[in-house]
């Protein structure tokens, strides 16, 4: 069993690619057949965050960002580049020198980033049953997710990014 333990810091933000027409899945019957084509990342500022598997902590950070990454079946390296650039440059933190809110990004504060693969971000309800058919299949999602973690490490500090 997998679990994510977080100590909330302040705000939740949804970061999505907006290059194509993009609509979130809806329970409305008129929207069920729309194509969803964009990598998704839910970004949460945290005081600390950890991932636990079978009662053992496998990854953790102190202050920083917890990023739940949903990978679509049609995502490419350019989608991963976009998410990496956007997440690392999102100005979510207060500048301690000026007091100005929403002024600094995670790199300017030297905080950690915890990336967690989350296929359920592409869940669509079909009746009372969830359907994840638009999420990338596990055999291709795992190496793709690992490449996303590598992109974050290369763009920031390798020791500050956890997967």
N, C-alpha and C. Protein backbone atom coordinates (compact mmCIF):
# COMPACT_ATOMS: atom_id res chain seq x y z
N UNK A 1 0.83 -1.18 0.00
CA UNK A 1 0.00 0.00 0.00
C UNK A 1 0.88 1.24 0.00
N UNK A 2 0.53 2.22 -0.82
CA UNK A 2 1.26 3.46 -0.92
C UNK A 2 0.48 4.56 -0.22
N UNK A 3 1.19 5.45 0.46
CA UNK A 3 0.53 6.60 1.05
C UNK A 3 1.45 7.79 0.97
N UNK A 4 0.87 8.95 0.90
CA UNK A 4 1.63 10.19 0.88
C UNK A 4 1.27 10.95 2.14
N UNK A 5 2.27 11.34 2.89
CA UNK A 5 2.06 12.09 4.11
C UNK A 5 2.54 13.52 3.87
N UNK A 6 1.67 14.50 4.10
CA UNK A 6 2.07 15.88 3.90
C UNK A 6 1.70 16.73 5.09
N UNK A 7 2.51 17.72 5.32
CA UNK A 7 2.19 18.75 6.30
C UNK A 7 1.86 19.99 5.48
N UNK A 8 0.61 20.39 5.39
CA UNK A 8 0.24 21.49 4.51
C UNK A 8 0.92 22.79 4.90
N UNK A 9 1.31 23.52 3.91
CA UNK A 9 1.99 24.79 4.11
C UNK A 9 1.06 25.94 3.83
N UNK A 10 0.40 25.95 2.69
CA UNK A 10 -0.54 27.03 2.42
C UNK A 10 -1.56 26.71 1.34
N UNK A 11 -1.14 26.58 0.10
CA UNK A 11 -2.12 26.57 -0.98
C UNK A 11 -1.92 25.40 -1.93
N UNK A 12 -3.02 24.98 -2.56
CA UNK A 12 -2.96 23.99 -3.63
C UNK A 12 -3.15 24.72 -4.95
N UNK A 13 -2.39 24.31 -5.94
CA UNK A 13 -2.48 24.94 -7.25
C UNK A 13 -2.46 23.84 -8.29
N UNK A 14 -3.30 23.96 -9.30
CA UNK A 14 -3.28 23.01 -10.40
C UNK A 14 -2.54 23.65 -11.56
N UNK A 15 -1.54 22.96 -12.06
CA UNK A 15 -0.74 23.47 -13.16
C UNK A 15 -0.99 22.58 -14.36
N UNK A 16 -1.51 23.13 -15.43
CA UNK A 16 -1.79 22.32 -16.61
C UNK A 16 -1.22 22.97 -17.85
N UNK A 17 -0.96 22.16 -18.82
CA UNK A 17 -0.49 22.63 -20.11
C UNK A 17 -1.67 23.26 -20.83
N UNK A 18 -1.48 24.37 -21.47
CA UNK A 18 -2.60 25.07 -22.08
C UNK A 18 -2.32 25.41 -23.53
N UNK A 19 -1.52 24.59 -24.23
CA UNK A 19 -1.18 24.87 -25.62
C UNK A 19 -2.32 24.47 -26.56
N UNK A 20 -3.07 23.44 -26.19
CA UNK A 20 -4.19 22.98 -26.99
C UNK A 20 -5.47 23.28 -26.23
N UNK A 21 -6.60 23.10 -26.90
CA UNK A 21 -7.86 23.24 -26.18
C UNK A 21 -7.89 22.13 -25.13
N UNK A 22 -8.12 22.49 -23.89
CA UNK A 22 -8.02 21.54 -22.79
C UNK A 22 -9.22 21.70 -21.89
N UNK A 23 -9.91 20.60 -21.64
CA UNK A 23 -11.04 20.62 -20.72
C UNK A 23 -10.86 19.51 -19.70
N UNK A 24 -11.15 19.83 -18.46
CA UNK A 24 -11.09 18.80 -17.42
C UNK A 24 -12.24 17.82 -17.61
N UNK A 25 -12.05 16.56 -17.23
CA UNK A 25 -13.15 15.61 -17.35
C UNK A 25 -14.32 16.05 -16.49
N UNK A 26 -15.49 15.83 -16.99
CA UNK A 26 -16.69 16.27 -16.28
C UNK A 26 -17.64 15.10 -16.13
N UNK A 27 -18.45 15.15 -15.10
CA UNK A 27 -19.47 14.13 -14.93
C UNK A 27 -20.66 14.40 -15.84
N UNK A 28 -20.70 15.58 -16.43
CA UNK A 28 -21.77 15.94 -17.34
C UNK A 28 -21.71 15.05 -18.57
N UNK A 29 -22.83 14.44 -18.96
CA UNK A 29 -22.82 13.49 -20.07
C UNK A 29 -22.41 14.12 -21.39
N UNK A 30 -22.54 15.43 -21.53
CA UNK A 30 -22.17 16.10 -22.77
C UNK A 30 -20.66 16.25 -22.92
N UNK A 31 -19.91 16.10 -21.84
CA UNK A 31 -18.47 16.30 -21.87
C UNK A 31 -17.69 15.00 -21.78
N UNK A 32 -18.32 13.88 -21.66
CA UNK A 32 -17.61 12.63 -21.43
C UNK A 32 -16.73 12.20 -22.60
N UNK A 33 -17.09 12.54 -23.82
CA UNK A 33 -16.35 12.06 -24.98
C UNK A 33 -15.27 13.03 -25.45
N UNK A 34 -15.01 14.09 -24.71
CA UNK A 34 -13.96 15.03 -25.09
C UNK A 34 -12.59 14.39 -24.89
N UNK A 35 -11.66 14.70 -25.80
CA UNK A 35 -10.31 14.20 -25.64
C UNK A 35 -9.55 15.06 -24.65
N UNK A 36 -8.78 14.41 -23.81
CA UNK A 36 -7.98 15.10 -22.82
C UNK A 36 -6.53 14.86 -23.22
N UNK A 37 -5.81 15.93 -23.54
CA UNK A 37 -4.42 15.77 -23.98
C UNK A 37 -3.53 16.78 -23.29
N UNK A 38 -3.10 16.48 -22.12
CA UNK A 38 -2.17 17.35 -21.42
C UNK A 38 -1.67 16.66 -20.17
N UNK A 39 -0.36 16.77 -19.95
CA UNK A 39 0.18 16.27 -18.70
C UNK A 39 -0.36 17.14 -17.58
N UNK A 40 -0.64 16.56 -16.44
CA UNK A 40 -1.19 17.31 -15.31
C UNK A 40 -0.24 17.24 -14.13
N UNK A 41 -0.18 18.34 -13.42
CA UNK A 41 0.60 18.37 -12.18
C UNK A 41 -0.20 19.16 -11.16
N UNK A 42 -0.42 18.55 -10.02
CA UNK A 42 -1.05 19.25 -8.90
C UNK A 42 0.09 19.61 -7.96
N UNK A 43 0.24 20.91 -7.69
CA UNK A 43 1.37 21.41 -6.91
C UNK A 43 0.86 21.88 -5.56
N UNK A 44 1.51 21.41 -4.48
CA UNK A 44 1.13 21.78 -3.12
C UNK A 44 2.37 22.28 -2.38
N UNK A 45 2.29 23.49 -1.86
CA UNK A 45 3.36 23.97 -0.98
C UNK A 45 3.27 23.19 0.32
N UNK A 46 4.42 22.75 0.83
CA UNK A 46 4.41 21.95 2.06
C UNK A 46 5.53 22.38 3.01
N UNK A 47 5.28 22.19 4.30
CA UNK A 47 6.33 22.35 5.30
C UNK A 47 7.22 21.11 5.29
N UNK A 48 6.61 19.95 4.98
CA UNK A 48 7.33 18.70 4.79
C UNK A 48 6.39 17.73 4.08
N UNK A 49 6.97 16.75 3.41
CA UNK A 49 6.17 15.73 2.71
C UNK A 49 6.99 14.45 2.63
N UNK A 50 6.29 13.32 2.65
CA UNK A 50 6.97 12.03 2.53
C UNK A 50 6.08 11.04 1.81
N UNK A 51 6.70 10.02 1.24
CA UNK A 51 5.98 8.92 0.61
C UNK A 51 6.34 7.66 1.38
N UNK A 52 5.32 6.93 1.76
CA UNK A 52 5.49 5.73 2.57
C UNK A 52 4.97 4.53 1.79
N UNK A 53 5.75 3.45 1.74
CA UNK A 53 5.34 2.21 1.09
C UNK A 53 5.50 1.09 2.11
N UNK A 54 4.42 0.38 2.39
CA UNK A 54 4.41 -0.72 3.36
C UNK A 54 5.01 -0.30 4.71
N UNK A 55 4.63 0.89 5.17
CA UNK A 55 5.05 1.37 6.46
C UNK A 55 6.47 1.92 6.52
N UNK A 56 7.15 1.99 5.37
CA UNK A 56 8.53 2.47 5.33
C UNK A 56 8.59 3.72 4.47
N UNK A 57 9.22 4.79 4.98
CA UNK A 57 9.36 6.03 4.21
C UNK A 57 10.41 5.80 3.12
N UNK A 58 9.98 6.02 1.85
CA UNK A 58 10.88 5.81 0.72
C UNK A 58 11.41 7.12 0.14
N UNK A 59 10.75 8.22 0.46
CA UNK A 59 11.21 9.52 -0.01
C UNK A 59 10.58 10.60 0.85
N UNK A 60 11.34 11.68 1.09
CA UNK A 60 10.80 12.77 1.89
C UNK A 60 11.57 14.06 1.61
N UNK A 61 10.90 15.17 1.88
CA UNK A 61 11.52 16.49 1.78
C UNK A 61 11.09 17.32 2.99
N UNK A 62 11.82 18.40 3.23
CA UNK A 62 11.41 19.39 4.21
C UNK A 62 10.52 20.40 3.49
N UNK A 63 10.70 21.69 3.73
CA UNK A 63 9.86 22.68 3.06
C UNK A 63 10.08 22.64 1.55
N UNK A 64 9.00 22.87 0.81
CA UNK A 64 9.10 22.89 -0.64
C UNK A 64 7.80 22.60 -1.33
N UNK A 65 7.88 21.81 -2.41
CA UNK A 65 6.71 21.50 -3.23
C UNK A 65 6.50 20.00 -3.34
N UNK A 66 5.26 19.57 -3.10
CA UNK A 66 4.83 18.22 -3.41
C UNK A 66 4.12 18.31 -4.75
N UNK A 67 4.57 17.53 -5.73
CA UNK A 67 4.01 17.59 -7.08
C UNK A 67 3.46 16.22 -7.45
N UNK A 68 2.12 16.13 -7.60
CA UNK A 68 1.49 14.92 -8.08
C UNK A 68 1.43 15.03 -9.60
N UNK A 69 2.06 14.08 -10.30
CA UNK A 69 2.19 14.14 -11.76
C UNK A 69 1.31 13.08 -12.40
N UNK A 70 0.37 13.53 -13.23
CA UNK A 70 -0.47 12.64 -14.02
C UNK A 70 0.02 12.63 -15.45
N UNK A 71 0.31 11.42 -15.96
CA UNK A 71 0.87 11.31 -17.30
C UNK A 71 -0.18 10.73 -18.24
N UNK A 72 -0.48 11.49 -19.30
CA UNK A 72 -1.46 11.07 -20.32
C UNK A 72 -0.78 10.13 -21.30
N UNK A 73 -1.55 9.27 -21.91
CA UNK A 73 -1.05 8.30 -22.86
C UNK A 73 -0.30 8.95 -24.03
N UNK A 74 -0.66 10.16 -24.40
CA UNK A 74 -0.04 10.81 -25.55
C UNK A 74 1.03 11.84 -25.18
N UNK A 75 1.43 11.90 -23.90
CA UNK A 75 2.43 12.88 -23.49
C UNK A 75 3.79 12.60 -24.11
N UNK A 76 4.53 13.68 -24.36
CA UNK A 76 5.84 13.61 -25.00
C UNK A 76 6.88 14.31 -24.11
N UNK A 77 8.12 14.27 -24.55
CA UNK A 77 9.21 14.93 -23.82
C UNK A 77 8.96 16.44 -23.74
N UNK A 78 8.37 17.03 -24.76
CA UNK A 78 8.10 18.48 -24.71
C UNK A 78 7.06 18.80 -23.63
N UNK A 79 6.10 17.90 -23.38
CA UNK A 79 5.14 18.09 -22.29
C UNK A 79 5.86 18.05 -20.95
N UNK A 80 6.81 17.12 -20.81
CA UNK A 80 7.59 17.00 -19.58
C UNK A 80 8.45 18.25 -19.37
N UNK A 81 9.05 18.75 -20.44
CA UNK A 81 9.84 19.98 -20.35
C UNK A 81 8.99 21.14 -19.87
N UNK A 82 7.79 21.24 -20.41
CA UNK A 82 6.86 22.32 -20.05
C UNK A 82 6.50 22.27 -18.56
N UNK A 83 6.12 21.08 -18.08
CA UNK A 83 5.74 20.93 -16.66
C UNK A 83 6.94 21.25 -15.76
N UNK A 84 8.12 20.76 -16.11
CA UNK A 84 9.32 21.01 -15.32
C UNK A 84 9.58 22.51 -15.23
N UNK A 85 9.56 23.18 -16.36
CA UNK A 85 9.83 24.62 -16.38
C UNK A 85 8.79 25.39 -15.57
N UNK A 86 7.51 25.06 -15.75
CA UNK A 86 6.44 25.77 -15.05
C UNK A 86 6.50 25.55 -13.54
N UNK A 87 6.66 24.32 -13.11
CA UNK A 87 6.66 24.02 -11.68
C UNK A 87 7.85 24.69 -10.99
N UNK A 88 9.04 24.57 -11.58
CA UNK A 88 10.22 25.13 -10.93
C UNK A 88 10.21 26.66 -10.91
N UNK A 89 9.49 27.28 -11.84
CA UNK A 89 9.48 28.74 -11.91
C UNK A 89 8.23 29.39 -11.34
N UNK A 90 7.29 28.59 -10.84
CA UNK A 90 6.08 29.16 -10.24
C UNK A 90 6.46 29.96 -9.00
N UNK A 91 6.06 31.21 -8.95
CA UNK A 91 6.38 32.07 -7.80
C UNK A 91 5.30 31.88 -6.73
N UNK A 92 5.60 31.00 -5.78
CA UNK A 92 4.63 30.60 -4.77
C UNK A 92 5.02 31.00 -3.35
N UNK A 93 6.21 31.57 -3.21
CA UNK A 93 6.73 31.83 -1.87
C UNK A 93 6.96 33.33 -1.65
N UNK A 94 6.85 33.73 -0.40
CA UNK A 94 7.08 35.12 -0.02
C UNK A 94 8.58 35.43 -0.03
N UNK A 95 8.91 36.60 -0.54
CA UNK A 95 10.29 37.08 -0.52
C UNK A 95 10.58 37.58 0.90
N UNK A 96 11.50 36.93 1.58
CA UNK A 96 11.79 37.28 2.98
C UNK A 96 12.47 38.64 3.09
N UNK A 97 13.15 39.09 2.04
CA UNK A 97 13.83 40.39 2.08
C UNK A 97 12.86 41.55 1.94
N UNK A 98 11.88 41.41 1.04
CA UNK A 98 10.96 42.52 0.76
C UNK A 98 9.60 42.34 1.40
N UNK A 99 9.27 41.11 1.79
CA UNK A 99 7.95 40.83 2.35
C UNK A 99 6.88 40.65 1.29
N UNK A 100 7.27 40.77 0.04
CA UNK A 100 6.32 40.64 -1.06
C UNK A 100 5.90 39.18 -1.22
N UNK A 101 4.58 38.95 -1.21
CA UNK A 101 4.05 37.60 -1.36
C UNK A 101 4.09 37.12 -2.79
N UNK A 102 4.10 35.80 -2.96
CA UNK A 102 4.05 35.17 -4.28
C UNK A 102 5.15 35.72 -5.19
N UNK A 103 6.37 35.82 -4.64
CA UNK A 103 7.46 36.48 -5.36
C UNK A 103 8.63 35.57 -5.70
N UNK A 104 8.80 34.46 -4.99
CA UNK A 104 9.95 33.61 -5.24
C UNK A 104 9.54 32.19 -5.57
N UNK A 105 10.38 31.54 -6.39
CA UNK A 105 10.11 30.15 -6.75
C UNK A 105 10.89 29.21 -5.82
N UNK A 106 10.68 27.94 -5.99
CA UNK A 106 11.28 26.92 -5.12
C UNK A 106 12.81 26.95 -5.21
N UNK A 107 13.34 27.27 -6.38
CA UNK A 107 14.79 27.31 -6.56
C UNK A 107 15.41 28.50 -5.82
N UNK A 108 14.74 29.64 -5.84
CA UNK A 108 15.25 30.81 -5.15
C UNK A 108 15.29 30.61 -3.63
N UNK A 109 14.39 29.79 -3.13
CA UNK A 109 14.33 29.51 -1.69
C UNK A 109 15.18 28.30 -1.29
N UNK A 110 15.74 27.58 -2.27
CA UNK A 110 16.52 26.37 -2.01
C UNK A 110 15.72 25.31 -1.26
N UNK A 111 14.45 25.17 -1.65
CA UNK A 111 13.57 24.18 -1.04
C UNK A 111 13.60 22.89 -1.85
N UNK A 112 12.96 21.87 -1.32
CA UNK A 112 12.90 20.57 -1.97
C UNK A 112 11.68 20.42 -2.87
N UNK A 113 11.76 19.43 -3.76
CA UNK A 113 10.65 19.08 -4.64
C UNK A 113 10.47 17.57 -4.56
N UNK A 114 9.25 17.14 -4.21
CA UNK A 114 8.93 15.72 -4.16
C UNK A 114 7.94 15.42 -5.26
N UNK A 115 8.34 14.60 -6.23
CA UNK A 115 7.50 14.23 -7.36
C UNK A 115 6.88 12.86 -7.11
N UNK A 116 5.56 12.76 -7.28
CA UNK A 116 4.84 11.51 -7.06
C UNK A 116 3.99 11.22 -8.29
N UNK A 117 4.21 10.06 -8.90
CA UNK A 117 3.41 9.66 -10.06
C UNK A 117 1.98 9.38 -9.58
N UNK A 118 1.00 9.93 -10.29
CA UNK A 118 -0.39 9.84 -9.84
C UNK A 118 -1.32 9.65 -11.04
N UNK A 119 -1.48 8.40 -11.50
CA UNK A 119 -2.32 8.13 -12.66
C UNK A 119 -3.78 8.49 -12.41
N UNK A 120 -4.19 8.55 -11.15
CA UNK A 120 -5.59 8.84 -10.84
C UNK A 120 -6.00 10.26 -11.23
N UNK A 121 -5.05 11.12 -11.57
CA UNK A 121 -5.41 12.46 -12.05
C UNK A 121 -6.14 12.38 -13.39
N UNK A 122 -6.07 11.24 -14.05
CA UNK A 122 -6.79 11.03 -15.30
C UNK A 122 -8.01 10.12 -15.12
N UNK A 123 -8.48 9.98 -13.91
CA UNK A 123 -9.66 9.17 -13.66
C UNK A 123 -10.93 9.86 -14.14
N UNK A 124 -11.77 9.09 -14.79
CA UNK A 124 -13.07 9.57 -15.27
C UNK A 124 -14.11 8.58 -14.74
N UNK A 125 -15.18 9.08 -14.17
CA UNK A 125 -16.23 8.19 -13.68
C UNK A 125 -17.10 7.73 -14.84
N UNK A 126 -17.25 6.42 -14.94
CA UNK A 126 -18.19 5.82 -15.89
C UNK A 126 -19.22 5.11 -15.02
N UNK A 127 -20.34 5.78 -14.82
CA UNK A 127 -21.32 5.28 -13.87
C UNK A 127 -20.75 5.45 -12.48
N UNK A 128 -20.58 4.35 -11.76
CA UNK A 128 -20.00 4.39 -10.42
C UNK A 128 -18.59 3.82 -10.38
N UNK A 129 -18.00 3.61 -11.55
CA UNK A 129 -16.70 2.97 -11.63
C UNK A 129 -15.68 3.92 -12.26
N UNK A 130 -14.51 4.07 -11.62
CA UNK A 130 -13.49 4.94 -12.22
C UNK A 130 -12.84 4.27 -13.44
N UNK A 131 -12.49 5.08 -14.41
CA UNK A 131 -11.85 4.60 -15.64
C UNK A 131 -10.57 5.41 -15.84
N UNK A 132 -9.45 4.75 -16.04
CA UNK A 132 -8.17 5.42 -16.18
C UNK A 132 -7.55 5.16 -17.55
N UNK A 133 -8.37 4.91 -18.57
CA UNK A 133 -7.85 4.50 -19.87
C UNK A 133 -7.01 5.57 -20.57
N UNK A 134 -7.16 6.84 -20.21
CA UNK A 134 -6.36 7.88 -20.87
C UNK A 134 -5.00 8.09 -20.20
N UNK A 135 -4.79 7.48 -19.03
CA UNK A 135 -3.47 7.56 -18.38
C UNK A 135 -2.50 6.64 -19.12
N UNK A 136 -1.23 7.02 -19.12
CA UNK A 136 -0.21 6.20 -19.77
C UNK A 136 -0.12 4.85 -19.06
N UNK A 137 -0.05 3.75 -19.81
CA UNK A 137 0.06 2.42 -19.19
C UNK A 137 1.34 2.30 -18.35
N UNK A 138 1.29 1.49 -17.29
CA UNK A 138 2.43 1.39 -16.36
C UNK A 138 3.76 1.05 -17.02
N UNK A 139 3.77 0.17 -18.02
CA UNK A 139 5.04 -0.24 -18.63
C UNK A 139 5.75 0.91 -19.36
N UNK A 140 5.01 1.91 -19.84
CA UNK A 140 5.64 3.08 -20.46
C UNK A 140 5.67 4.27 -19.51
N UNK A 141 4.74 4.32 -18.55
CA UNK A 141 4.68 5.45 -17.62
C UNK A 141 5.87 5.47 -16.67
N UNK A 142 6.32 4.30 -16.22
CA UNK A 142 7.42 4.27 -15.25
C UNK A 142 8.70 4.89 -15.82
N UNK A 143 9.18 4.47 -17.01
CA UNK A 143 10.39 5.13 -17.55
C UNK A 143 10.16 6.60 -17.88
N UNK A 144 8.94 6.94 -18.31
CA UNK A 144 8.63 8.33 -18.62
C UNK A 144 8.67 9.18 -17.35
N UNK A 145 8.09 8.68 -16.28
CA UNK A 145 8.12 9.37 -14.98
C UNK A 145 9.57 9.55 -14.52
N UNK A 146 10.39 8.50 -14.64
CA UNK A 146 11.79 8.60 -14.24
C UNK A 146 12.53 9.66 -15.06
N UNK A 147 12.16 9.81 -16.34
CA UNK A 147 12.78 10.86 -17.16
C UNK A 147 12.34 12.25 -16.69
N UNK A 148 11.11 12.36 -16.18
CA UNK A 148 10.63 13.64 -15.64
C UNK A 148 11.43 14.00 -14.39
N UNK A 149 11.64 13.03 -13.51
CA UNK A 149 12.44 13.26 -12.31
C UNK A 149 13.84 13.72 -12.71
N UNK A 150 14.44 13.07 -13.71
CA UNK A 150 15.77 13.46 -14.19
C UNK A 150 15.77 14.89 -14.73
N UNK A 151 14.72 15.28 -15.45
CA UNK A 151 14.62 16.66 -15.97
C UNK A 151 14.62 17.67 -14.82
N UNK A 152 13.84 17.38 -13.78
CA UNK A 152 13.80 18.26 -12.62
C UNK A 152 15.18 18.34 -11.96
N UNK A 153 15.85 17.22 -11.83
CA UNK A 153 17.17 17.21 -11.18
C UNK A 153 18.19 18.00 -11.99
N UNK A 154 18.14 17.87 -13.31
CA UNK A 154 19.08 18.61 -14.16
C UNK A 154 18.78 20.10 -14.17
N UNK A 155 17.50 20.47 -14.10
CA UNK A 155 17.11 21.87 -14.14
C UNK A 155 17.31 22.57 -12.80
N UNK A 156 17.36 21.81 -11.72
CA UNK A 156 17.49 22.39 -10.37
C UNK A 156 18.73 21.81 -9.72
N UNK A 157 18.61 21.26 -8.53
CA UNK A 157 19.72 20.61 -7.82
C UNK A 157 19.35 19.14 -7.67
N UNK A 158 20.22 18.23 -8.09
CA UNK A 158 19.89 16.80 -8.01
C UNK A 158 19.48 16.33 -6.62
N UNK A 159 20.14 16.85 -5.58
CA UNK A 159 19.84 16.39 -4.22
C UNK A 159 18.57 17.01 -3.64
N UNK A 160 18.03 18.06 -4.29
CA UNK A 160 16.82 18.72 -3.79
C UNK A 160 15.55 18.12 -4.38
N UNK A 161 15.70 17.30 -5.43
CA UNK A 161 14.54 16.70 -6.12
C UNK A 161 14.46 15.23 -5.75
N UNK A 162 13.31 14.83 -5.22
CA UNK A 162 13.09 13.44 -4.82
C UNK A 162 11.96 12.86 -5.65
N UNK A 163 12.06 11.57 -5.93
CA UNK A 163 11.02 10.90 -6.71
C UNK A 163 10.39 9.80 -5.90
